[in-house]
């Protein structure tokens, strides 16, 4: 087991039988994700994954992002972990910039997509960085996340990462979003709450 530092985050999959725990590795050289069977978690993790900072940097460079963006985003603190309905993907929110989320493979922890609302992959000043709320749609086709201080919510295609729609109507930064698993409703909140 690798040494960790910082705040760990935990999430259950949709079955409630598996949960994942993530934290930054010691020295902040990456992040680890351990998966546990909730029925026998005392036996330890059944899967241990890690995402090295250098692997994330390689992925971001491959997306054509500049040196400053790659450096900032690869060093960002992770602020939440969520599974998609199938359990094949995980979503991580970060403090990199308003609205930056990473989608990870649920079996090996590698980055499969990055979702960003910052214009042209920009780097925000540290005073403007905060965790965005984000989640998968119940059918795993979309990722929805809060954006910047303008109160917008963004909807991306989960496979391509393409921004499909921007919802407007909140008074401030949207800190949390959640889909109703049975109905086609999205709840979001800042200082006010909305159903979409």
N, C-alpha and C. Protein backbone atom coordinates (compact mmCIF):
# COMPACT_ATOMS: atom_id res chain seq x y z
N UNK A 1 0.84 -1.19 0.00
CA UNK A 1 0.00 0.00 0.00
C UNK A 1 0.88 1.24 0.00
N UNK A 2 0.52 2.20 -0.80
CA UNK A 2 1.31 3.41 -0.89
C UNK A 2 0.86 4.42 0.15
N UNK A 3 1.80 5.23 0.61
CA UNK A 3 1.50 6.27 1.57
C UNK A 3 0.73 7.39 0.88
N UNK A 4 -0.22 7.96 1.59
CA UNK A 4 -1.05 9.02 1.03
C UNK A 4 -0.97 10.27 1.90
N UNK A 5 -1.46 11.36 1.32
CA UNK A 5 -1.55 12.61 2.07
C UNK A 5 -2.76 13.37 1.57
N UNK A 6 -3.20 14.32 2.34
CA UNK A 6 -4.36 15.11 1.94
C UNK A 6 -5.66 14.43 2.30
N UNK A 7 -6.73 14.96 1.77
CA UNK A 7 -8.07 14.49 2.08
C UNK A 7 -8.46 13.32 1.19
N UNK A 8 -8.84 12.18 1.78
CA UNK A 8 -9.33 11.08 0.95
C UNK A 8 -10.79 11.33 0.56
N UNK A 9 -11.22 10.65 -0.50
CA UNK A 9 -12.61 10.74 -0.95
C UNK A 9 -13.11 9.33 -1.19
N UNK A 10 -14.39 9.11 -0.95
CA UNK A 10 -14.97 7.78 -1.07
C UNK A 10 -16.30 7.86 -1.80
N UNK A 11 -16.62 6.80 -2.56
CA UNK A 11 -17.91 6.73 -3.26
C UNK A 11 -18.29 5.28 -3.45
N UNK A 12 -19.58 5.00 -3.39
CA UNK A 12 -20.12 3.68 -3.71
C UNK A 12 -20.48 3.63 -5.19
N UNK A 13 -20.42 2.43 -5.77
CA UNK A 13 -20.94 2.25 -7.13
C UNK A 13 -22.46 2.14 -7.04
N UNK A 14 -23.13 2.02 -8.19
CA UNK A 14 -24.60 2.02 -8.20
C UNK A 14 -25.21 0.78 -7.56
N UNK A 15 -24.45 -0.30 -7.42
CA UNK A 15 -24.98 -1.51 -6.80
C UNK A 15 -24.91 -1.44 -5.28
N UNK A 16 -24.06 -0.58 -4.77
CA UNK A 16 -23.84 -0.51 -3.33
C UNK A 16 -22.94 -1.61 -2.81
N UNK A 17 -22.39 -2.42 -3.70
CA UNK A 17 -21.53 -3.53 -3.29
C UNK A 17 -20.05 -3.18 -3.36
N UNK A 18 -19.71 -2.19 -4.14
CA UNK A 18 -18.31 -1.78 -4.29
C UNK A 18 -18.18 -0.32 -3.91
N UNK A 19 -17.11 -0.01 -3.19
CA UNK A 19 -16.81 1.39 -2.95
C UNK A 19 -15.35 1.64 -3.25
N UNK A 20 -15.07 2.88 -3.64
CA UNK A 20 -13.73 3.28 -3.97
C UNK A 20 -13.25 4.37 -3.03
N UNK A 21 -11.97 4.34 -2.76
CA UNK A 21 -11.33 5.36 -1.93
C UNK A 21 -10.16 5.92 -2.73
N UNK A 22 -10.06 7.23 -2.78
CA UNK A 22 -8.95 7.86 -3.48
C UNK A 22 -8.29 8.90 -2.58
N UNK A 23 -7.00 9.08 -2.79
CA UNK A 23 -6.23 10.11 -2.07
C UNK A 23 -4.97 10.39 -2.87
N UNK A 24 -4.38 11.53 -2.61
CA UNK A 24 -3.10 11.87 -3.25
C UNK A 24 -2.01 10.99 -2.66
N UNK A 25 -1.07 10.58 -3.50
CA UNK A 25 0.05 9.80 -3.01
C UNK A 25 1.04 10.73 -2.30
N UNK A 26 1.83 10.16 -1.42
CA UNK A 26 2.81 10.95 -0.67
C UNK A 26 3.69 11.72 -1.65
N UNK A 27 3.96 12.96 -1.33
CA UNK A 27 4.75 13.81 -2.20
C UNK A 27 3.94 14.38 -3.36
N UNK A 28 2.65 14.08 -3.37
CA UNK A 28 1.73 14.55 -4.41
C UNK A 28 2.25 14.24 -5.82
N UNK A 29 2.71 13.00 -5.99
CA UNK A 29 3.22 12.57 -7.29
C UNK A 29 2.14 11.88 -8.12
N UNK A 30 0.93 11.88 -7.62
CA UNK A 30 -0.19 11.25 -8.30
C UNK A 30 -1.31 10.96 -7.32
N UNK A 31 -2.18 10.04 -7.71
CA UNK A 31 -3.30 9.65 -6.87
C UNK A 31 -3.47 8.14 -6.90
N UNK A 32 -3.96 7.59 -5.81
CA UNK A 32 -4.27 6.18 -5.76
C UNK A 32 -5.79 6.03 -5.65
N UNK A 33 -6.28 4.91 -6.16
CA UNK A 33 -7.69 4.53 -6.03
C UNK A 33 -7.71 3.07 -5.62
N UNK A 34 -8.37 2.78 -4.51
CA UNK A 34 -8.53 1.40 -4.06
C UNK A 34 -10.01 1.06 -4.10
N UNK A 35 -10.32 -0.12 -4.62
CA UNK A 35 -11.69 -0.59 -4.69
C UNK A 35 -11.89 -1.73 -3.69
N UNK A 36 -13.02 -1.68 -3.00
CA UNK A 36 -13.33 -2.65 -1.95
C UNK A 36 -14.69 -3.27 -2.20
N UNK A 37 -14.83 -4.54 -1.82
CA UNK A 37 -16.12 -5.21 -1.77
C UNK A 37 -16.71 -4.87 -0.41
N UNK A 38 -17.85 -4.20 -0.38
CA UNK A 38 -18.44 -3.75 0.88
C UNK A 38 -18.80 -4.92 1.80
N UNK A 39 -19.03 -6.10 1.24
CA UNK A 39 -19.41 -7.26 2.04
C UNK A 39 -18.22 -7.85 2.78
N UNK A 40 -17.01 -7.57 2.31
CA UNK A 40 -15.81 -8.12 2.96
C UNK A 40 -14.63 -7.15 2.86
N UNK A 41 -14.91 -5.91 3.21
CA UNK A 41 -13.87 -4.87 3.08
C UNK A 41 -12.69 -5.08 4.02
N UNK A 42 -12.90 -5.82 5.11
CA UNK A 42 -11.78 -6.05 6.03
C UNK A 42 -10.69 -6.91 5.40
N UNK A 43 -11.00 -7.58 4.29
CA UNK A 43 -10.00 -8.38 3.58
C UNK A 43 -9.06 -7.48 2.76
N UNK A 44 -9.38 -6.21 2.69
CA UNK A 44 -8.54 -5.28 1.94
C UNK A 44 -9.10 -5.01 0.56
N UNK A 45 -8.43 -4.15 -0.15
CA UNK A 45 -8.87 -3.76 -1.49
C UNK A 45 -8.72 -4.94 -2.45
N UNK A 46 -9.70 -5.12 -3.33
CA UNK A 46 -9.58 -6.15 -4.36
C UNK A 46 -8.91 -5.60 -5.61
N UNK A 47 -8.81 -4.27 -5.70
CA UNK A 47 -8.10 -3.64 -6.81
C UNK A 47 -7.41 -2.38 -6.29
N UNK A 48 -6.16 -2.23 -6.66
CA UNK A 48 -5.39 -1.04 -6.28
C UNK A 48 -4.85 -0.42 -7.56
N UNK A 49 -5.29 0.81 -7.82
CA UNK A 49 -4.87 1.53 -9.02
C UNK A 49 -4.15 2.79 -8.61
N UNK A 50 -3.32 3.28 -9.52
CA UNK A 50 -2.70 4.57 -9.27
C UNK A 50 -2.62 5.33 -10.59
N UNK A 51 -2.73 6.63 -10.48
CA UNK A 51 -2.56 7.50 -11.63
C UNK A 51 -1.39 8.43 -11.31
N UNK A 52 -0.27 8.17 -11.94
CA UNK A 52 0.92 8.99 -11.71
C UNK A 52 0.71 10.37 -12.34
N UNK A 53 1.23 11.38 -11.70
CA UNK A 53 1.13 12.74 -12.23
C UNK A 53 1.69 12.79 -13.65
N UNK A 54 2.77 12.06 -13.90
CA UNK A 54 3.37 12.07 -15.24
C UNK A 54 2.43 11.47 -16.29
N UNK A 55 1.64 10.46 -15.93
CA UNK A 55 0.67 9.88 -16.87
C UNK A 55 -0.43 10.87 -17.19
N UNK A 56 -0.89 11.61 -16.18
CA UNK A 56 -1.91 12.64 -16.40
C UNK A 56 -1.33 13.75 -17.29
N UNK A 57 -0.09 14.14 -17.03
CA UNK A 57 0.55 15.15 -17.87
C UNK A 57 0.63 14.70 -19.33
N UNK A 58 0.99 13.45 -19.55
CA UNK A 58 1.07 12.91 -20.91
C UNK A 58 -0.29 12.97 -21.59
N UNK A 59 -1.34 12.59 -20.87
CA UNK A 59 -2.69 12.61 -21.43
C UNK A 59 -3.08 14.04 -21.82
N UNK A 60 -2.85 14.99 -20.92
CA UNK A 60 -3.22 16.38 -21.17
C UNK A 60 -2.42 16.98 -22.33
N UNK A 61 -1.14 16.66 -22.40
CA UNK A 61 -0.33 17.12 -23.54
C UNK A 61 -0.88 16.56 -24.84
N UNK A 62 -1.33 15.31 -24.81
CA UNK A 62 -1.92 14.68 -25.98
C UNK A 62 -3.20 15.34 -26.44
N UNK A 63 -3.85 16.08 -25.53
CA UNK A 63 -5.06 16.84 -25.87
C UNK A 63 -4.72 18.22 -26.43
N UNK A 64 -3.42 18.51 -26.54
CA UNK A 64 -2.99 19.77 -27.13
C UNK A 64 -2.98 20.94 -26.16
N UNK A 65 -3.00 20.65 -24.87
CA UNK A 65 -3.00 21.74 -23.88
C UNK A 65 -1.59 22.26 -23.65
N UNK A 66 -1.49 23.53 -23.32
CA UNK A 66 -0.20 24.18 -23.12
C UNK A 66 0.49 23.76 -21.84
N UNK A 67 1.75 24.11 -21.75
CA UNK A 67 2.61 23.72 -20.63
C UNK A 67 2.03 24.19 -19.29
N UNK A 68 1.58 25.45 -19.20
CA UNK A 68 1.05 25.98 -17.94
C UNK A 68 -0.22 25.24 -17.51
N UNK A 69 -1.08 24.93 -18.48
CA UNK A 69 -2.32 24.21 -18.18
C UNK A 69 -2.01 22.80 -17.70
N UNK A 70 -1.14 22.10 -18.43
CA UNK A 70 -0.76 20.74 -18.06
C UNK A 70 -0.19 20.72 -16.65
N UNK A 71 0.69 21.66 -16.35
CA UNK A 71 1.31 21.72 -15.02
C UNK A 71 0.26 21.97 -13.93
N UNK A 72 -0.61 22.94 -14.16
CA UNK A 72 -1.63 23.28 -13.18
C UNK A 72 -2.63 22.15 -12.95
N UNK A 73 -3.14 21.60 -14.03
CA UNK A 73 -4.19 20.58 -13.92
C UNK A 73 -3.66 19.27 -13.36
N UNK A 74 -2.43 18.91 -13.69
CA UNK A 74 -1.90 17.63 -13.22
C UNK A 74 -1.55 17.67 -11.73
N UNK A 75 -1.39 18.86 -11.18
CA UNK A 75 -1.07 19.01 -9.76
C UNK A 75 -2.29 19.35 -8.89
N UNK A 76 -3.44 19.45 -9.52
CA UNK A 76 -4.64 19.87 -8.80
C UNK A 76 -5.09 18.83 -7.78
N UNK A 77 -5.69 19.33 -6.73
CA UNK A 77 -6.27 18.47 -5.70
C UNK A 77 -7.55 17.84 -6.23
N UNK A 78 -7.76 16.56 -5.97
CA UNK A 78 -9.03 15.91 -6.31
C UNK A 78 -10.02 16.19 -5.19
N UNK A 79 -11.26 16.50 -5.56
CA UNK A 79 -12.25 16.91 -4.56
C UNK A 79 -13.44 15.97 -4.43
N UNK A 80 -13.60 15.04 -5.36
CA UNK A 80 -14.67 14.04 -5.23
C UNK A 80 -14.42 12.89 -6.18
N UNK A 81 -15.09 11.79 -5.92
CA UNK A 81 -15.03 10.59 -6.74
C UNK A 81 -16.45 10.07 -6.90
N UNK A 82 -16.84 9.74 -8.14
CA UNK A 82 -18.16 9.16 -8.39
C UNK A 82 -18.03 8.08 -9.46
N UNK A 83 -18.86 7.04 -9.34
CA UNK A 83 -18.92 5.99 -10.34
C UNK A 83 -20.07 6.26 -11.29
N UNK A 84 -19.93 5.81 -12.55
CA UNK A 84 -21.10 5.84 -13.42
C UNK A 84 -21.96 4.62 -13.10
N UNK A 85 -23.15 4.53 -13.71
CA UNK A 85 -24.09 3.48 -13.37
C UNK A 85 -23.52 2.09 -13.64
N UNK A 86 -22.80 1.94 -14.74
CA UNK A 86 -22.24 0.62 -15.08
C UNK A 86 -21.03 0.25 -14.23
N UNK A 87 -20.41 1.23 -13.59
CA UNK A 87 -19.20 0.99 -12.80
C UNK A 87 -17.94 0.94 -13.64
N UNK A 88 -18.07 1.16 -14.94
CA UNK A 88 -16.92 1.08 -15.84
C UNK A 88 -16.11 2.37 -15.90
N UNK A 89 -16.67 3.46 -15.39
CA UNK A 89 -15.99 4.75 -15.40
C UNK A 89 -16.13 5.41 -14.02
N UNK A 90 -15.16 6.26 -13.69
CA UNK A 90 -15.22 7.06 -12.48
C UNK A 90 -15.02 8.52 -12.87
N UNK A 91 -15.64 9.41 -12.14
CA UNK A 91 -15.54 10.84 -12.39
C UNK A 91 -14.87 11.49 -11.19
N UNK A 92 -13.85 12.28 -11.46
CA UNK A 92 -13.12 12.98 -10.40
C UNK A 92 -13.24 14.47 -10.66
N UNK A 93 -13.66 15.22 -9.65
CA UNK A 93 -13.64 16.68 -9.76
C UNK A 93 -12.34 17.17 -9.13
N UNK A 94 -11.90 18.33 -9.60
CA UNK A 94 -10.61 18.85 -9.16
C UNK A 94 -10.71 20.35 -8.86
N UNK A 95 -9.65 20.87 -8.28
CA UNK A 95 -9.54 22.31 -8.04
C UNK A 95 -8.72 22.99 -9.13
N UNK A 96 -8.46 22.29 -10.23
CA UNK A 96 -7.59 22.82 -11.29
C UNK A 96 -8.10 24.15 -11.83
N UNK A 97 -9.34 24.22 -12.16
CA UNK A 97 -9.98 25.42 -12.69
C UNK A 97 -11.48 25.18 -12.59
N UNK A 98 -12.26 26.20 -12.78
CA UNK A 98 -13.71 26.04 -12.68
C UNK A 98 -14.18 25.04 -13.73
N UNK A 99 -14.79 23.96 -13.29
CA UNK A 99 -15.39 23.01 -14.21
C UNK A 99 -14.47 21.96 -14.79
N UNK A 100 -13.29 21.72 -14.26
CA UNK A 100 -12.42 20.68 -14.79
C UNK A 100 -12.68 19.37 -14.04
N UNK A 101 -13.04 18.34 -14.81
CA UNK A 101 -13.28 17.01 -14.27
C UNK A 101 -12.52 16.00 -15.11
N UNK A 102 -12.15 14.90 -14.50
CA UNK A 102 -11.46 13.82 -15.20
C UNK A 102 -12.33 12.59 -15.17
N UNK A 103 -12.43 11.88 -16.29
CA UNK A 103 -13.10 10.60 -16.31
C UNK A 103 -12.01 9.53 -16.37
N UNK A 104 -12.12 8.56 -15.46
CA UNK A 104 -11.11 7.51 -15.34
C UNK A 104 -11.73 6.16 -15.67
N UNK A 105 -10.92 5.27 -16.21
CA UNK A 105 -11.34 3.91 -16.46
C UNK A 105 -11.55 3.22 -15.11
N UNK A 106 -12.67 2.53 -14.95
CA UNK A 106 -13.00 1.89 -13.68
C UNK A 106 -12.21 0.63 -13.39
N UNK A 107 -11.44 0.15 -14.37
CA UNK A 107 -10.68 -1.08 -14.17
C UNK A 107 -9.18 -0.84 -13.98
N UNK A 108 -8.65 0.21 -14.63
CA UNK A 108 -7.21 0.45 -14.47
C UNK A 108 -6.85 1.85 -13.98
N UNK A 109 -7.85 2.75 -13.85
CA UNK A 109 -7.60 4.09 -13.32
C UNK A 109 -7.00 5.07 -14.29
N UNK A 110 -6.85 4.69 -15.56
CA UNK A 110 -6.27 5.61 -16.54
C UNK A 110 -7.28 6.68 -16.93
N UNK A 111 -6.79 7.83 -17.37
CA UNK A 111 -7.65 8.93 -17.79
C UNK A 111 -8.24 8.58 -19.16
N UNK A 112 -9.56 8.70 -19.28
CA UNK A 112 -10.21 8.43 -20.56
C UNK A 112 -10.83 9.69 -21.18
N UNK A 113 -11.02 10.73 -20.36
CA UNK A 113 -11.59 11.98 -20.88
C UNK A 113 -11.36 13.10 -19.88
N UNK A 114 -11.29 14.31 -20.39
CA UNK A 114 -11.22 15.49 -19.53
C UNK A 114 -12.34 16.43 -19.95
N UNK A 115 -13.03 16.97 -18.97
CA UNK A 115 -14.15 17.89 -19.22
C UNK A 115 -13.75 19.25 -18.66
N UNK A 116 -13.89 20.27 -19.48
CA UNK A 116 -13.37 21.58 -19.12
C UNK A 116 -14.32 22.68 -19.59
N UNK A 117 -14.53 23.67 -18.74
CA UNK A 117 -15.33 24.84 -19.13
C UNK A 117 -14.50 26.10 -19.22
N UNK A 118 -13.23 26.03 -18.84
CA UNK A 118 -12.37 27.19 -18.90
C UNK A 118 -12.02 27.46 -20.37
N UNK A 119 -12.23 28.68 -20.86
CA UNK A 119 -11.98 28.96 -22.27
C UNK A 119 -10.59 28.54 -22.72
N UNK A 120 -10.55 27.73 -23.80
CA UNK A 120 -9.31 27.29 -24.42
C UNK A 120 -8.34 26.67 -23.42
N UNK A 121 -8.89 25.95 -22.44
CA UNK A 121 -8.02 25.24 -21.50
C UNK A 121 -7.20 26.16 -20.63
N UNK A 122 -7.69 27.32 -20.33
CA UNK A 122 -6.93 28.31 -19.58
C UNK A 122 -6.69 27.93 -18.14
N UNK A 123 -5.80 28.65 -17.52
CA UNK A 123 -5.51 28.47 -16.11
C UNK A 123 -6.08 29.67 -15.37
N UNK A 124 -6.92 29.40 -14.41
CA UNK A 124 -7.49 30.48 -13.62
C UNK A 124 -6.53 30.88 -12.51
N UNK A 125 -6.61 32.13 -12.06
CA UNK A 125 -5.80 32.51 -10.91
C UNK A 125 -6.21 31.66 -9.71
N UNK A 126 -5.28 31.41 -8.79
CA UNK A 126 -5.56 30.52 -7.66
C UNK A 126 -6.74 31.01 -6.85
N UNK A 127 -7.00 32.30 -6.81
CA UNK A 127 -8.14 32.82 -6.04
C UNK A 127 -9.47 32.43 -6.67
N UNK A 128 -9.48 32.07 -7.96
CA UNK A 128 -10.72 31.71 -8.66
C UNK A 128 -10.94 30.21 -8.74
N UNK A 129 -9.99 29.43 -8.25
CA UNK A 129 -10.11 27.98 -8.35
C UNK A 129 -10.99 27.45 -7.22
N UNK A 130 -11.84 26.52 -7.59
CA UNK A 130 -12.70 25.88 -6.60
C UNK A 130 -13.21 24.59 -7.19
N UNK A 131 -13.70 23.73 -6.32
CA UNK A 131 -14.23 22.46 -6.78
C UNK A 131 -15.57 22.67 -7.46
N UNK A 132 -15.75 22.00 -8.56
CA UNK A 132 -17.04 22.03 -9.25
C UNK A 132 -17.79 20.76 -8.91
N UNK A 133 -19.13 20.86 -8.82
CA UNK A 133 -19.94 19.67 -8.66
C UNK A 133 -20.13 19.03 -10.01
N UNK A 134 -20.09 17.70 -10.09
CA UNK A 134 -20.27 17.01 -11.37
C UNK A 134 -20.84 15.62 -11.12
N UNK A 135 -21.51 15.07 -12.15
CA UNK A 135 -22.06 13.72 -12.04
C UNK A 135 -22.32 13.15 -13.43
N UNK A 136 -22.49 11.84 -13.48
CA UNK A 136 -22.89 11.15 -14.69
C UNK A 136 -24.41 11.16 -14.79
N UNK A 137 -24.94 11.10 -16.02
CA UNK A 137 -26.38 10.88 -16.20
C UNK A 137 -26.65 9.40 -15.91
N UNK A 138 -27.89 9.05 -15.54
CA UNK A 138 -28.19 7.66 -15.20
C UNK A 138 -27.90 6.67 -16.33
N UNK A 139 -27.95 7.11 -17.59
CA UNK A 139 -27.66 6.22 -18.72
C UNK A 139 -26.18 6.25 -19.13
N UNK A 140 -25.35 6.93 -18.37
CA UNK A 140 -23.89 7.02 -18.59
C UNK A 140 -23.50 7.75 -19.86
N UNK A 141 -24.43 8.38 -20.55
CA UNK A 141 -24.11 9.05 -21.82
C UNK A 141 -23.56 10.45 -21.64
N UNK A 142 -23.86 11.08 -20.51
CA UNK A 142 -23.50 12.49 -20.31
C UNK A 142 -22.82 12.71 -18.97
N UNK A 143 -22.01 13.75 -18.93
CA UNK A 143 -21.45 14.25 -17.68
C UNK A 143 -21.93 15.68 -17.54
N UNK A 144 -22.43 16.01 -16.37
CA UNK A 144 -22.94 17.35 -16.09
C UNK A 144 -22.14 17.93 -14.95
N UNK A 145 -21.75 19.20 -15.09
CA UNK A 145 -20.96 19.82 -14.04
C UNK A 145 -21.20 21.32 -13.93
N UNK A 146 -21.04 21.82 -12.72
CA UNK A 146 -21.12 23.25 -12.48
C UNK A 146 -19.91 23.93 -13.06
N UNK A 147 -20.10 25.16 -13.47
CA UNK A 147 -19.00 25.91 -14.10
C UNK A 147 -18.41 26.92 -13.16
N UNK A 148 -18.21 28.10 -13.67
CA UNK A 148 -17.57 29.16 -12.91
C UNK A 148 -18.55 29.96 -12.08
N UNK A 149 -18.13 31.15 -11.73
CA UNK A 149 -18.94 32.02 -10.90
C UNK A 149 -20.17 32.58 -11.61
N UNK A 150 -20.31 32.30 -12.91
CA UNK A 150 -21.45 32.82 -13.67
C UNK A 150 -22.72 32.00 -13.47
N UNK A 151 -22.66 30.93 -12.68
CA UNK A 151 -23.85 30.14 -12.37
C UNK A 151 -24.27 29.18 -13.45
N UNK A 152 -23.39 28.89 -14.39
CA UNK A 152 -23.76 27.99 -15.48
C UNK A 152 -23.51 26.53 -15.11
N UNK A 153 -24.22 25.65 -15.81
CA UNK A 153 -24.05 24.20 -15.70
C UNK A 153 -23.76 23.71 -17.12
N UNK A 154 -22.80 22.80 -17.24
CA UNK A 154 -22.38 22.33 -18.55
C UNK A 154 -22.69 20.85 -18.69
N UNK A 155 -23.11 20.46 -19.89
CA UNK A 155 -23.41 19.07 -20.21
C UNK A 155 -22.51 18.62 -21.34
N UNK A 156 -21.72 17.57 -21.09
CA UNK A 156 -20.79 17.05 -22.08
C UNK A 156 -21.20 15.65 -22.52
N UNK A 157 -20.81 15.28 -23.72
CA UNK A 157 -20.92 13.90 -24.18
C UNK A 157 -19.82 13.12 -23.46
N UNK A 158 -20.18 12.06 -22.74
CA UNK A 158 -19.19 11.32 -21.94
C UNK A 158 -18.12 10.65 -22.80
N UNK A 159 -18.47 10.21 -24.00
CA UNK A 159 -17.49 9.53 -24.85
C UNK A 159 -16.52 10.49 -25.50
N UNK A 160 -17.04 11.58 -26.06
CA UNK A 160 -16.20 12.48 -26.85
C UNK A 160 -15.64 13.66 -26.05
N UNK A 161 -16.29 14.00 -24.93
CA UNK A 161 -15.88 15.17 -24.16
C UNK A 161 -16.40 16.47 -24.73
N UNK A 162 -17.17 16.39 -25.79
CA UNK A 162 -17.69 17.59 -26.45
C UNK A 162 -18.76 18.25 -25.59
N UNK A 163 -18.64 19.57 -25.42
CA UNK A 163 -19.64 20.34 -24.69
C UNK A 163 -20.90 20.41 -25.54
N UNK A 164 -22.02 19.92 -25.00
CA UNK A 164 -23.27 19.86 -25.75
C UNK A 164 -24.22 20.99 -25.42
N UNK A 165 -24.25 21.40 -24.17
CA UNK A 165 -25.25 22.38 -23.73
C UNK A 165 -24.75 23.10 -22.50
N UNK A 166 -25.09 24.37 -22.39
CA UNK A 166 -24.82 25.16 -21.19
C UNK A 166 -26.14 25.66 -20.66
N UNK A 167 -26.43 25.35 -19.41
CA UNK A 167 -27.65 25.79 -18.75
C UNK A 167 -27.34 27.03 -17.92
N UNK A 168 -28.21 28.01 -17.99
CA UNK A 168 -28.04 29.25 -17.23
C UNK A 168 -29.23 29.46 -16.32
N UNK A 169 -29.00 30.12 -15.20
CA UNK A 169 -30.11 30.42 -14.32
C UNK A 169 -29.78 30.49 -12.85
N UNK A 170 -28.57 30.10 -12.48
CA UNK A 170 -28.20 30.19 -11.06
C UNK A 170 -27.62 31.57 -10.75
N UNK A 171 -27.74 31.95 -9.48
CA UNK A 171 -27.26 33.25 -9.04
C UNK A 171 -25.74 33.28 -8.85
N UNK A 172 -25.14 32.11 -8.61
CA UNK A 172 -23.70 32.05 -8.36
C UNK A 172 -23.15 30.69 -8.76
N UNK A 173 -21.93 30.41 -8.33
CA UNK A 173 -21.24 29.17 -8.67
C UNK A 173 -22.03 27.95 -8.21
N UNK A 174 -22.24 27.01 -9.12
CA UNK A 174 -22.97 25.78 -8.81
C UNK A 174 -21.98 24.80 -8.18
N UNK A 175 -22.24 24.46 -6.93
CA UNK A 175 -21.33 23.59 -6.19
C UNK A 175 -21.72 22.13 -6.20
N UNK A 176 -22.98 21.83 -6.55
CA UNK A 176 -23.38 20.43 -6.58
C UNK A 176 -24.50 20.20 -7.59
N UNK A 177 -24.43 19.04 -8.23
CA UNK A 177 -25.44 18.61 -9.19
C UNK A 177 -25.72 17.14 -8.96
N UNK A 178 -26.95 16.71 -9.22
CA UNK A 178 -27.31 15.30 -9.07
C UNK A 178 -28.49 14.97 -9.96
N UNK A 179 -28.39 13.83 -10.65
CA UNK A 179 -29.50 13.34 -11.46
C UNK A 179 -30.41 12.47 -10.61
N UNK A 180 -31.70 12.55 -10.86
CA UNK A 180 -32.64 11.60 -10.31
C UNK A 180 -32.42 10.31 -11.09
N UNK A 181 -32.17 9.17 -10.43
CA UNK A 181 -31.86 7.94 -11.16
C UNK A 181 -33.05 7.35 -11.92
N UNK A 182 -34.27 7.76 -11.60
CA UNK A 182 -35.45 7.19 -12.25
C UNK A 182 -36.12 8.13 -13.24
N UNK A 183 -36.07 9.41 -12.97
CA UNK A 183 -36.74 10.40 -13.81
C UNK A 183 -35.71 11.26 -14.54
N UNK A 184 -36.12 11.91 -15.58
CA UNK A 184 -35.22 12.78 -16.34
C UNK A 184 -35.05 14.13 -15.69
N UNK A 185 -34.67 14.16 -14.43
CA UNK A 185 -34.51 15.42 -13.70
C UNK A 185 -33.08 15.58 -13.21
N UNK A 186 -32.60 16.81 -13.29
CA UNK A 186 -31.30 17.18 -12.75
C UNK A 186 -31.55 18.24 -11.68
N UNK A 187 -31.00 18.02 -10.50
CA UNK A 187 -31.06 19.03 -9.43
C UNK A 187 -29.69 19.69 -9.34
N UNK A 188 -29.69 21.00 -9.12
CA UNK A 188 -28.43 21.74 -8.97
C UNK A 188 -28.63 22.79 -7.90
N UNK A 189 -27.52 23.17 -7.27
CA UNK A 189 -27.64 24.14 -6.18
C UNK A 189 -26.42 25.03 -6.09
N UNK A 190 -26.69 26.28 -5.76
CA UNK A 190 -25.70 27.25 -5.31
C UNK A 190 -26.37 27.92 -4.11
N UNK A 191 -26.65 29.22 -4.16
CA UNK A 191 -27.45 29.83 -3.11
C UNK A 191 -28.94 29.60 -3.37
N UNK A 192 -29.27 29.17 -4.58
CA UNK A 192 -30.64 28.75 -4.90
C UNK A 192 -30.57 27.33 -5.48
N UNK A 193 -31.71 26.66 -5.50
CA UNK A 193 -31.81 25.30 -6.01
C UNK A 193 -32.67 25.29 -7.24
N UNK A 194 -32.33 24.44 -8.22
CA UNK A 194 -33.10 24.37 -9.45
C UNK A 194 -33.27 22.93 -9.88
N UNK A 195 -34.39 22.65 -10.54
CA UNK A 195 -34.64 21.36 -11.19
C UNK A 195 -34.70 21.63 -12.67
N UNK A 196 -34.04 20.80 -13.46
CA UNK A 196 -33.98 20.98 -14.91
C UNK A 196 -34.62 19.79 -15.59
